[in-house]
mmCIF file of all heavy atoms, coordinates in Angstrom:
data_MODEL
# 
_entry.id   MODEL 
# 
loop_
_atom_site.group_PDB 
_atom_site.id 
_atom_site.type_symbol 
_atom_site.label_atom_id 
_atom_site.label_alt_id 
_atom_site.label_comp_id 
_atom_site.label_asym_id 
_atom_site.label_entity_id 
_atom_site.label_seq_id 
_atom_site.pdbx_PDB_ins_code 
_atom_site.Cartn_x 
_atom_site.Cartn_y 
_atom_site.Cartn_z 
_atom_site.occupancy 
_atom_site.B_iso_or_equiv 
_atom_site.pdbx_formal_charge 
_atom_site.auth_seq_id 
_atom_site.auth_comp_id 
_atom_site.auth_asym_id 
_atom_site.auth_atom_id 
_atom_site.pdbx_PDB_model_num 
ATOM 1   N N   . PRO A 1 1  ? 8.602   30.888 174.512 1.00 0.00 ? 1  PRO A N   1 
ATOM 2   C CA  . PRO A 1 1  ? 7.945   29.625 174.275 1.00 0.00 ? 1  PRO A CA  1 
ATOM 3   C C   . PRO A 1 1  ? 6.641   29.869 173.505 1.00 0.00 ? 1  PRO A C   1 
ATOM 4   O O   . PRO A 1 1  ? 6.011   30.885 173.583 1.00 0.00 ? 1  PRO A O   1 
ATOM 5   C CB  . PRO A 1 1  ? 7.637   29.055 175.594 1.00 0.00 ? 1  PRO A CB  1 
ATOM 6   C CG  . PRO A 1 1  ? 7.770   30.110 176.607 1.00 0.00 ? 1  PRO A CG  1 
ATOM 7   C CD  . PRO A 1 1  ? 8.707   31.199 175.938 1.00 0.00 ? 1  PRO A CD  1 
ATOM 8   N N   . LEU A 1 2  ? 6.372   28.948 172.572 1.00 0.00 ? 2  LEU A N   1 
ATOM 9   C CA  . LEU A 1 2  ? 5.153   28.955 171.793 1.00 0.00 ? 2  LEU A CA  1 
ATOM 10  C C   . LEU A 1 2  ? 4.113   28.216 172.687 1.00 0.00 ? 2  LEU A C   1 
ATOM 11  O O   . LEU A 1 2  ? 4.218   27.087 173.196 1.00 0.00 ? 2  LEU A O   1 
ATOM 12  C CB  . LEU A 1 2  ? 5.368   28.074 170.531 1.00 0.00 ? 2  LEU A CB  1 
ATOM 13  C CG  . LEU A 1 2  ? 4.122   27.779 169.716 1.00 0.00 ? 2  LEU A CG  1 
ATOM 14  C CD1 . LEU A 1 2  ? 3.578   29.049 169.117 1.00 0.00 ? 2  LEU A CD1 1 
ATOM 15  C CD2 . LEU A 1 2  ? 4.446   26.801 168.650 1.00 0.00 ? 2  LEU A CD2 1 
ATOM 16  N N   . MET A 1 3  ? 2.938   28.855 172.893 1.00 0.00 ? 3  MET A N   1 
ATOM 17  C CA  . MET A 1 3  ? 1.949   28.319 173.755 1.00 0.00 ? 3  MET A CA  1 
ATOM 18  C C   . MET A 1 3  ? 0.708   28.068 172.872 1.00 0.00 ? 3  MET A C   1 
ATOM 19  O O   . MET A 1 3  ? 0.326   28.851 171.973 1.00 0.00 ? 3  MET A O   1 
ATOM 20  C CB  . MET A 1 3  ? 1.504   29.270 174.816 1.00 0.00 ? 3  MET A CB  1 
ATOM 21  C CG  . MET A 1 3  ? 2.496   29.402 175.953 1.00 0.00 ? 3  MET A CG  1 
ATOM 22  S SD  . MET A 1 3  ? 1.924   30.200 177.393 1.00 0.00 ? 3  MET A SD  1 
ATOM 23  C CE  . MET A 1 3  ? 1.150   31.634 176.737 1.00 0.00 ? 3  MET A CE  1 
ATOM 24  N N   . ILE A 1 4  ? 0.075   26.910 173.182 1.00 0.00 ? 4  ILE A N   1 
ATOM 25  C CA  . ILE A 1 4  ? -1.142  26.484 172.406 1.00 0.00 ? 4  ILE A CA  1 
ATOM 26  C C   . ILE A 1 4  ? -2.147  26.164 173.524 1.00 0.00 ? 4  ILE A C   1 
ATOM 27  O O   . ILE A 1 4  ? -1.797  25.460 174.433 1.00 0.00 ? 4  ILE A O   1 
ATOM 28  C CB  . ILE A 1 4  ? -0.902  25.307 171.568 1.00 0.00 ? 4  ILE A CB  1 
ATOM 29  C CG1 . ILE A 1 4  ? 0.132   25.726 170.398 1.00 0.00 ? 4  ILE A CG1 1 
ATOM 30  C CG2 . ILE A 1 4  ? -2.168  24.841 170.828 1.00 0.00 ? 4  ILE A CG2 1 
ATOM 31  C CD1 . ILE A 1 4  ? 0.542   24.568 169.561 1.00 0.00 ? 4  ILE A CD1 1 
ATOM 32  N N   . GLY A 1 5  ? -3.360  26.517 173.319 1.00 0.00 ? 5  GLY A N   1 
ATOM 33  C CA  . GLY A 1 5  ? -4.449  26.049 174.100 1.00 0.00 ? 5  GLY A CA  1 
ATOM 34  C C   . GLY A 1 5  ? -4.718  26.784 175.425 1.00 0.00 ? 5  GLY A C   1 
ATOM 35  O O   . GLY A 1 5  ? -5.029  26.155 176.390 1.00 0.00 ? 5  GLY A O   1 
ATOM 36  N N   . ALA A 1 6  ? -4.502  28.075 175.410 1.00 0.00 ? 6  ALA A N   1 
ATOM 37  C CA  . ALA A 1 6  ? -4.536  28.782 176.677 1.00 0.00 ? 6  ALA A CA  1 
ATOM 38  C C   . ALA A 1 6  ? -6.026  29.069 177.224 1.00 0.00 ? 6  ALA A C   1 
ATOM 39  O O   . ALA A 1 6  ? -6.276  28.869 178.415 1.00 0.00 ? 6  ALA A O   1 
ATOM 40  C CB  . ALA A 1 6  ? -3.875  30.173 176.622 1.00 0.00 ? 6  ALA A CB  1 
ATOM 41  N N   . THR A 1 7  ? -6.943  29.412 176.427 1.00 0.00 ? 7  THR A N   1 
ATOM 42  C CA  . THR A 1 7  ? -8.166  29.773 177.018 1.00 0.00 ? 7  THR A CA  1 
ATOM 43  C C   . THR A 1 7  ? -9.446  29.101 176.432 1.00 0.00 ? 7  THR A C   1 
ATOM 44  O O   . THR A 1 7  ? -10.278 28.637 177.133 1.00 0.00 ? 7  THR A O   1 
ATOM 45  C CB  . THR A 1 7  ? -8.440  31.291 176.873 1.00 0.00 ? 7  THR A CB  1 
ATOM 46  O OG1 . THR A 1 7  ? -8.298  31.747 175.650 1.00 0.00 ? 7  THR A OG1 1 
ATOM 47  C CG2 . THR A 1 7  ? -7.380  32.048 177.782 1.00 0.00 ? 7  THR A CG2 1 
ATOM 48  N N   . SER A 1 8  ? -9.405  29.052 175.108 1.00 0.00 ? 8  SER A N   1 
ATOM 49  C CA  . SER A 1 8  ? -10.725 28.498 174.438 1.00 0.00 ? 8  SER A CA  1 
ATOM 50  C C   . SER A 1 8  ? -10.496 27.073 173.974 1.00 0.00 ? 8  SER A C   1 
ATOM 51  O O   . SER A 1 8  ? -9.285  26.741 173.666 1.00 0.00 ? 8  SER A O   1 
ATOM 52  C CB  . SER A 1 8  ? -11.218 29.468 173.295 1.00 0.00 ? 8  SER A CB  1 
ATOM 53  O OG  . SER A 1 8  ? -10.163 29.466 172.342 1.00 0.00 ? 8  SER A OG  1 
ATOM 54  N N   . LEU A 1 9  ? -11.447 26.375 173.791 1.00 0.00 ? 9  LEU A N   1 
ATOM 55  C CA  . LEU A 1 9  ? -11.314 25.020 173.285 1.00 0.00 ? 9  LEU A CA  1 
ATOM 56  C C   . LEU A 1 9  ? -11.172 24.992 171.805 1.00 0.00 ? 9  LEU A C   1 
ATOM 57  O O   . LEU A 1 9  ? -11.921 25.414 171.051 1.00 0.00 ? 9  LEU A O   1 
ATOM 58  C CB  . LEU A 1 9  ? -12.656 24.221 173.615 1.00 0.00 ? 9  LEU A CB  1 
ATOM 59  C CG  . LEU A 1 9  ? -12.639 22.742 173.518 1.00 0.00 ? 9  LEU A CG  1 
ATOM 60  C CD1 . LEU A 1 9  ? -11.685 22.135 174.493 1.00 0.00 ? 9  LEU A CD1 1 
ATOM 61  C CD2 . LEU A 1 9  ? -14.034 22.239 173.917 1.00 0.00 ? 9  LEU A CD2 1 
ATOM 62  N N   . THR A 1 10 ? -9.966  24.597 171.470 1.00 0.00 ? 10 THR A N   1 
ATOM 63  C CA  . THR A 1 10 ? -9.538  24.664 170.008 1.00 0.00 ? 10 THR A CA  1 
ATOM 64  C C   . THR A 1 10 ? -9.642  23.188 169.479 1.00 0.00 ? 10 THR A C   1 
ATOM 65  O O   . THR A 1 10 ? -9.406  22.183 170.135 1.00 0.00 ? 10 THR A O   1 
ATOM 66  C CB  . THR A 1 10 ? -8.174  25.129 169.839 1.00 0.00 ? 10 THR A CB  1 
ATOM 67  O OG1 . THR A 1 10 ? -7.230  24.261 170.375 1.00 0.00 ? 10 THR A OG1 1 
ATOM 68  C CG2 . THR A 1 10 ? -7.895  26.539 170.349 1.00 0.00 ? 10 THR A CG2 1 
ATOM 69  N N   . ALA A 1 11 ? -10.043 23.090 168.168 1.00 0.00 ? 11 ALA A N   1 
ATOM 70  C CA  . ALA A 1 11 ? -10.193 21.864 167.544 1.00 0.00 ? 11 ALA A CA  1 
ATOM 71  C C   . ALA A 1 11 ? -8.895  21.142 167.340 1.00 0.00 ? 11 ALA A C   1 
ATOM 72  O O   . ALA A 1 11 ? -8.882  19.864 167.443 1.00 0.00 ? 11 ALA A O   1 
ATOM 73  C CB  . ALA A 1 11 ? -10.895 21.999 166.153 1.00 0.00 ? 11 ALA A CB  1 
ATOM 74  N N   . SER A 1 12 ? -7.773  21.850 167.217 1.00 0.00 ? 12 SER A N   1 
ATOM 75  C CA  . SER A 1 12 ? -6.415  21.177 166.823 1.00 0.00 ? 12 SER A CA  1 
ATOM 76  C C   . SER A 1 12 ? -5.730  20.681 168.036 1.00 0.00 ? 12 SER A C   1 
ATOM 77  O O   . SER A 1 12 ? -4.934  19.804 167.962 1.00 0.00 ? 12 SER A O   1 
ATOM 78  C CB  . SER A 1 12 ? -5.661  22.201 166.053 1.00 0.00 ? 12 SER A CB  1 
ATOM 79  O OG  . SER A 1 12 ? -5.356  23.321 166.802 1.00 0.00 ? 12 SER A OG  1 
ATOM 80  N N   . PHE A 1 13 ? -6.030  21.288 169.240 1.00 0.00 ? 13 PHE A N   1 
ATOM 81  C CA  . PHE A 1 13 ? -5.200  20.845 170.427 1.00 0.00 ? 13 PHE A CA  1 
ATOM 82  C C   . PHE A 1 13 ? -6.179  20.473 171.587 1.00 0.00 ? 13 PHE A C   1 
ATOM 83  O O   . PHE A 1 13 ? -6.157  19.342 172.097 1.00 0.00 ? 13 PHE A O   1 
ATOM 84  C CB  . PHE A 1 13 ? -4.214  21.964 170.871 1.00 0.00 ? 13 PHE A CB  1 
ATOM 85  C CG  . PHE A 1 13 ? -3.535  21.641 172.079 1.00 0.00 ? 13 PHE A CG  1 
ATOM 86  C CD1 . PHE A 1 13 ? -2.510  20.706 172.023 1.00 0.00 ? 13 PHE A CD1 1 
ATOM 87  C CD2 . PHE A 1 13 ? -3.908  22.095 173.292 1.00 0.00 ? 13 PHE A CD2 1 
ATOM 88  C CE1 . PHE A 1 13 ? -1.778  20.392 173.261 1.00 0.00 ? 13 PHE A CE1 1 
ATOM 89  C CE2 . PHE A 1 13 ? -3.299  21.710 174.484 1.00 0.00 ? 13 PHE A CE2 1 
ATOM 90  C CZ  . PHE A 1 13 ? -2.184  20.881 174.395 1.00 0.00 ? 13 PHE A CZ  1 
ATOM 91  N N   . ASP A 1 14 ? -6.929  21.430 172.053 1.00 0.00 ? 14 ASP A N   1 
ATOM 92  C CA  . ASP A 1 14 ? -7.701  21.230 173.224 1.00 0.00 ? 14 ASP A CA  1 
ATOM 93  C C   . ASP A 1 14 ? -8.670  20.041 173.122 1.00 0.00 ? 14 ASP A C   1 
ATOM 94  O O   . ASP A 1 14 ? -8.860  19.243 174.030 1.00 0.00 ? 14 ASP A O   1 
ATOM 95  C CB  . ASP A 1 14 ? -8.435  22.518 173.679 1.00 0.00 ? 14 ASP A CB  1 
ATOM 96  C CG  . ASP A 1 14 ? -7.499  23.643 173.798 1.00 0.00 ? 14 ASP A CG  1 
ATOM 97  O OD1 . ASP A 1 14 ? -6.340  23.418 174.326 1.00 0.00 ? 14 ASP A OD1 1 
ATOM 98  O OD2 . ASP A 1 14 ? -7.895  24.748 173.603 1.00 0.00 ? 14 ASP A OD2 1 
ATOM 99  N N   . GLN A 1 15 ? -9.468  20.077 171.964 1.00 0.00 ? 15 GLN A N   1 
ATOM 100 C CA  . GLN A 1 15 ? -10.452 19.069 171.822 1.00 0.00 ? 15 GLN A CA  1 
ATOM 101 C C   . GLN A 1 15 ? -9.854  17.640 171.869 1.00 0.00 ? 15 GLN A C   1 
ATOM 102 O O   . GLN A 1 15 ? -10.325 16.719 172.510 1.00 0.00 ? 15 GLN A O   1 
ATOM 103 C CB  . GLN A 1 15 ? -11.384 19.317 170.607 1.00 0.00 ? 15 GLN A CB  1 
ATOM 104 C CG  . GLN A 1 15 ? -12.482 18.451 170.580 1.00 0.00 ? 15 GLN A CG  1 
ATOM 105 C CD  . GLN A 1 15 ? -13.590 18.888 171.653 1.00 0.00 ? 15 GLN A CD  1 
ATOM 106 O OE1 . GLN A 1 15 ? -13.980 20.000 171.749 1.00 0.00 ? 15 GLN A OE1 1 
ATOM 107 N NE2 . GLN A 1 15 ? -13.983 17.770 172.470 1.00 0.00 ? 15 GLN A NE2 1 
ATOM 108 N N   . PRO A 1 16 ? -8.841  17.392 171.106 1.00 0.00 ? 16 PRO A N   1 
ATOM 109 C CA  . PRO A 1 16 ? -8.183  15.984 171.133 1.00 0.00 ? 16 PRO A CA  1 
ATOM 110 C C   . PRO A 1 16 ? -7.632  15.723 172.518 1.00 0.00 ? 16 PRO A C   1 
ATOM 111 O O   . PRO A 1 16 ? -7.797  14.526 172.887 1.00 0.00 ? 16 PRO A O   1 
ATOM 112 C CB  . PRO A 1 16 ? -6.974  16.223 170.045 1.00 0.00 ? 16 PRO A CB  1 
ATOM 113 C CG  . PRO A 1 16 ? -7.389  17.277 169.220 1.00 0.00 ? 16 PRO A CG  1 
ATOM 114 C CD  . PRO A 1 16 ? -8.188  18.250 170.088 1.00 0.00 ? 16 PRO A CD  1 
ATOM 115 N N   . VAL A 1 17 ? -7.162  16.671 173.254 1.00 0.00 ? 17 VAL A N   1 
ATOM 116 C CA  . VAL A 1 17 ? -6.739  16.320 174.686 1.00 0.00 ? 17 VAL A CA  1 
ATOM 117 C C   . VAL A 1 17 ? -7.926  16.018 175.590 1.00 0.00 ? 17 VAL A C   1 
ATOM 118 O O   . VAL A 1 17 ? -7.843  14.972 176.244 1.00 0.00 ? 17 VAL A O   1 
ATOM 119 C CB  . VAL A 1 17 ? -5.883  17.577 175.171 1.00 0.00 ? 17 VAL A CB  1 
ATOM 120 C CG1 . VAL A 1 17 ? -5.583  17.424 176.668 1.00 0.00 ? 17 VAL A CG1 1 
ATOM 121 C CG2 . VAL A 1 17 ? -4.542  17.736 174.483 1.00 0.00 ? 17 VAL A CG2 1 
ATOM 122 N N   . LEU A 1 18 ? -8.875  16.720 175.481 1.00 0.00 ? 18 LEU A N   1 
ATOM 123 C CA  . LEU A 1 18 ? -10.103 16.444 176.196 1.00 0.00 ? 18 LEU A CA  1 
ATOM 124 C C   . LEU A 1 18 ? -10.752 15.225 175.796 1.00 0.00 ? 18 LEU A C   1 
ATOM 125 O O   . LEU A 1 18 ? -11.172 14.351 176.632 1.00 0.00 ? 18 LEU A O   1 
ATOM 126 C CB  . LEU A 1 18 ? -11.082 17.646 176.034 1.00 0.00 ? 18 LEU A CB  1 
ATOM 127 C CG  . LEU A 1 18 ? -12.495 17.407 176.677 1.00 0.00 ? 18 LEU A CG  1 
ATOM 128 C CD1 . LEU A 1 18 ? -12.288 17.383 178.309 1.00 0.00 ? 18 LEU A CD1 1 
ATOM 129 C CD2 . LEU A 1 18 ? -13.496 18.634 176.196 1.00 0.00 ? 18 LEU A CD2 1 
ATOM 130 N N   . ASP A 1 19 ? -10.816 14.871 174.502 1.00 0.00 ? 19 ASP A N   1 
ATOM 131 C CA  . ASP A 1 19 ? -11.365 13.662 174.048 1.00 0.00 ? 19 ASP A CA  1 
ATOM 132 C C   . ASP A 1 19 ? -10.555 12.406 174.454 1.00 0.00 ? 19 ASP A C   1 
ATOM 133 O O   . ASP A 1 19 ? -11.157 11.403 174.818 1.00 0.00 ? 19 ASP A O   1 
ATOM 134 C CB  . ASP A 1 19 ? -11.460 13.654 172.418 1.00 0.00 ? 19 ASP A CB  1 
ATOM 135 C CG  . ASP A 1 19 ? -12.511 14.625 172.007 1.00 0.00 ? 19 ASP A CG  1 
ATOM 136 O OD1 . ASP A 1 19 ? -13.347 15.144 172.680 1.00 0.00 ? 19 ASP A OD1 1 
ATOM 137 O OD2 . ASP A 1 19 ? -12.473 14.886 170.736 1.00 0.00 ? 19 ASP A OD2 1 
ATOM 138 N N   . ALA A 1 20 ? -9.262  12.509 174.489 1.00 0.00 ? 20 ALA A N   1 
ATOM 139 C CA  . ALA A 1 20 ? -8.435  11.421 174.979 1.00 0.00 ? 20 ALA A CA  1 
ATOM 140 C C   . ALA A 1 20 ? -8.711  11.184 176.396 1.00 0.00 ? 20 ALA A C   1 
ATOM 141 O O   . ALA A 1 20 ? -8.706  9.910  176.760 1.00 0.00 ? 20 ALA A O   1 
ATOM 142 C CB  . ALA A 1 20 ? -6.951  11.719 174.709 1.00 0.00 ? 20 ALA A CB  1 
ATOM 143 N N   . HIS A 1 21 ? -8.798  12.159 177.151 1.00 0.00 ? 21 HIS A N   1 
ATOM 144 C CA  . HIS A 1 21 ? -9.187  11.952 178.679 1.00 0.00 ? 21 HIS A CA  1 
ATOM 145 C C   . HIS A 1 21 ? -10.539 11.291 178.716 1.00 0.00 ? 21 HIS A C   1 
ATOM 146 O O   . HIS A 1 21 ? -10.658 10.304 179.481 1.00 0.00 ? 21 HIS A O   1 
ATOM 147 C CB  . HIS A 1 21 ? -9.151  13.318 179.382 1.00 0.00 ? 21 HIS A CB  1 
ATOM 148 C CG  . HIS A 1 21 ? -7.844  13.777 179.831 1.00 0.00 ? 21 HIS A CG  1 
ATOM 149 N ND1 . HIS A 1 21 ? -6.991  14.396 178.954 1.00 0.00 ? 21 HIS A ND1 1 
ATOM 150 C CD2 . HIS A 1 21 ? -7.237  13.707 181.050 1.00 0.00 ? 21 HIS A CD2 1 
ATOM 151 C CE1 . HIS A 1 21 ? -5.909  14.658 179.639 1.00 0.00 ? 21 HIS A CE1 1 
ATOM 152 N NE2 . HIS A 1 21 ? -6.045  14.302 180.912 1.00 0.00 ? 21 HIS A NE2 1 
ATOM 153 N N   . ASN A 1 22 ? -11.513 11.864 178.050 1.00 0.00 ? 22 ASN A N   1 
ATOM 154 C CA  . ASN A 1 22 ? -12.792 11.357 178.214 1.00 0.00 ? 22 ASN A CA  1 
ATOM 155 C C   . ASN A 1 22 ? -13.021 9.868  177.610 1.00 0.00 ? 22 ASN A C   1 
ATOM 156 O O   . ASN A 1 22 ? -13.840 9.185  178.064 1.00 0.00 ? 22 ASN A O   1 
ATOM 157 C CB  . ASN A 1 22 ? -13.847 12.272 177.584 1.00 0.00 ? 22 ASN A CB  1 
ATOM 158 C CG  . ASN A 1 22 ? -14.095 13.509 178.416 1.00 0.00 ? 22 ASN A CG  1 
ATOM 159 O OD1 . ASN A 1 22 ? -14.026 13.397 179.681 1.00 0.00 ? 22 ASN A OD1 1 
ATOM 160 N ND2 . ASN A 1 22 ? -14.415 14.658 177.894 1.00 0.00 ? 22 ASN A ND2 1 
ATOM 161 N N   . HIS A 1 23 ? -12.092 9.521  176.648 1.00 0.00 ? 23 HIS A N   1 
ATOM 162 C CA  . HIS A 1 23 ? -12.164 8.111  176.242 1.00 0.00 ? 23 HIS A CA  1 
ATOM 163 C C   . HIS A 1 23 ? -11.826 7.172  177.303 1.00 0.00 ? 23 HIS A C   1 
ATOM 164 O O   . HIS A 1 23 ? -12.567 6.224  177.472 1.00 0.00 ? 23 HIS A O   1 
ATOM 165 C CB  . HIS A 1 23 ? -11.200 7.977  175.061 1.00 0.00 ? 23 HIS A CB  1 
ATOM 166 C CG  . HIS A 1 23 ? -11.058 6.601  174.580 1.00 0.00 ? 23 HIS A CG  1 
ATOM 167 N ND1 . HIS A 1 23 ? -11.858 5.965  173.882 1.00 0.00 ? 23 HIS A ND1 1 
ATOM 168 C CD2 . HIS A 1 23 ? -9.937  5.749  174.857 1.00 0.00 ? 23 HIS A CD2 1 
ATOM 169 C CE1 . HIS A 1 23 ? -11.405 4.672  173.694 1.00 0.00 ? 23 HIS A CE1 1 
ATOM 170 N NE2 . HIS A 1 23 ? -10.293 4.476  174.243 1.00 0.00 ? 23 HIS A NE2 1 
ATOM 171 N N   . GLU A 1 24 ? -10.780 7.543  178.098 1.00 0.00 ? 24 GLU A N   1 
ATOM 172 C CA  . GLU A 1 24 ? -10.442 6.656  179.155 1.00 0.00 ? 24 GLU A CA  1 
ATOM 173 C C   . GLU A 1 24 ? -11.436 6.610  180.234 1.00 0.00 ? 24 GLU A C   1 
ATOM 174 O O   . GLU A 1 24 ? -11.746 5.491  180.893 1.00 0.00 ? 24 GLU A O   1 
ATOM 175 C CB  . GLU A 1 24 ? -9.143  7.174  179.777 1.00 0.00 ? 24 GLU A CB  1 
ATOM 176 C CG  . GLU A 1 24 ? -7.909  7.121  178.947 1.00 0.00 ? 24 GLU A CG  1 
ATOM 177 C CD  . GLU A 1 24 ? -7.661  5.588  178.474 1.00 0.00 ? 24 GLU A CD  1 
ATOM 178 O OE1 . GLU A 1 24 ? -7.810  4.598  179.241 1.00 0.00 ? 24 GLU A OE1 1 
ATOM 179 O OE2 . GLU A 1 24 ? -7.293  5.385  177.243 1.00 0.00 ? 24 GLU A OE2 1 
ATOM 180 N N   . ARG A 1 25 ? -12.131 7.776  180.483 1.00 0.00 ? 25 ARG A N   1 
ATOM 181 C CA  . ARG A 1 25 ? -13.239 7.793  181.552 1.00 0.00 ? 25 ARG A CA  1 
ATOM 182 C C   . ARG A 1 25 ? -14.453 6.995  181.085 1.00 0.00 ? 25 ARG A C   1 
ATOM 183 O O   . ARG A 1 25 ? -15.046 6.344  181.850 1.00 0.00 ? 25 ARG A O   1 
ATOM 184 C CB  . ARG A 1 25 ? -13.525 9.213  181.872 1.00 0.00 ? 25 ARG A CB  1 
ATOM 185 C CG  . ARG A 1 25 ? -12.344 10.034 182.511 1.00 0.00 ? 25 ARG A CG  1 
ATOM 186 C CD  . ARG A 1 25 ? -12.687 11.435 182.791 1.00 0.00 ? 25 ARG A CD  1 
ATOM 187 N NE  . ARG A 1 25 ? -13.732 11.594 183.794 1.00 0.00 ? 25 ARG A NE  1 
ATOM 188 C CZ  . ARG A 1 25 ? -13.518 11.661 185.114 1.00 0.00 ? 25 ARG A CZ  1 
ATOM 189 N NH1 . ARG A 1 25 ? -12.306 11.367 185.672 1.00 0.00 ? 25 ARG A NH1 1 
ATOM 190 N NH2 . ARG A 1 25 ? -14.524 11.845 185.960 1.00 0.00 ? 25 ARG A NH2 1 
# 
């Protein structure tokens, strides 16, 4: 499997996921 976003906050995957959660909050 291809894995993305394992440890550090990346601009292309992790940050958008975090931002989407924080938008709802």
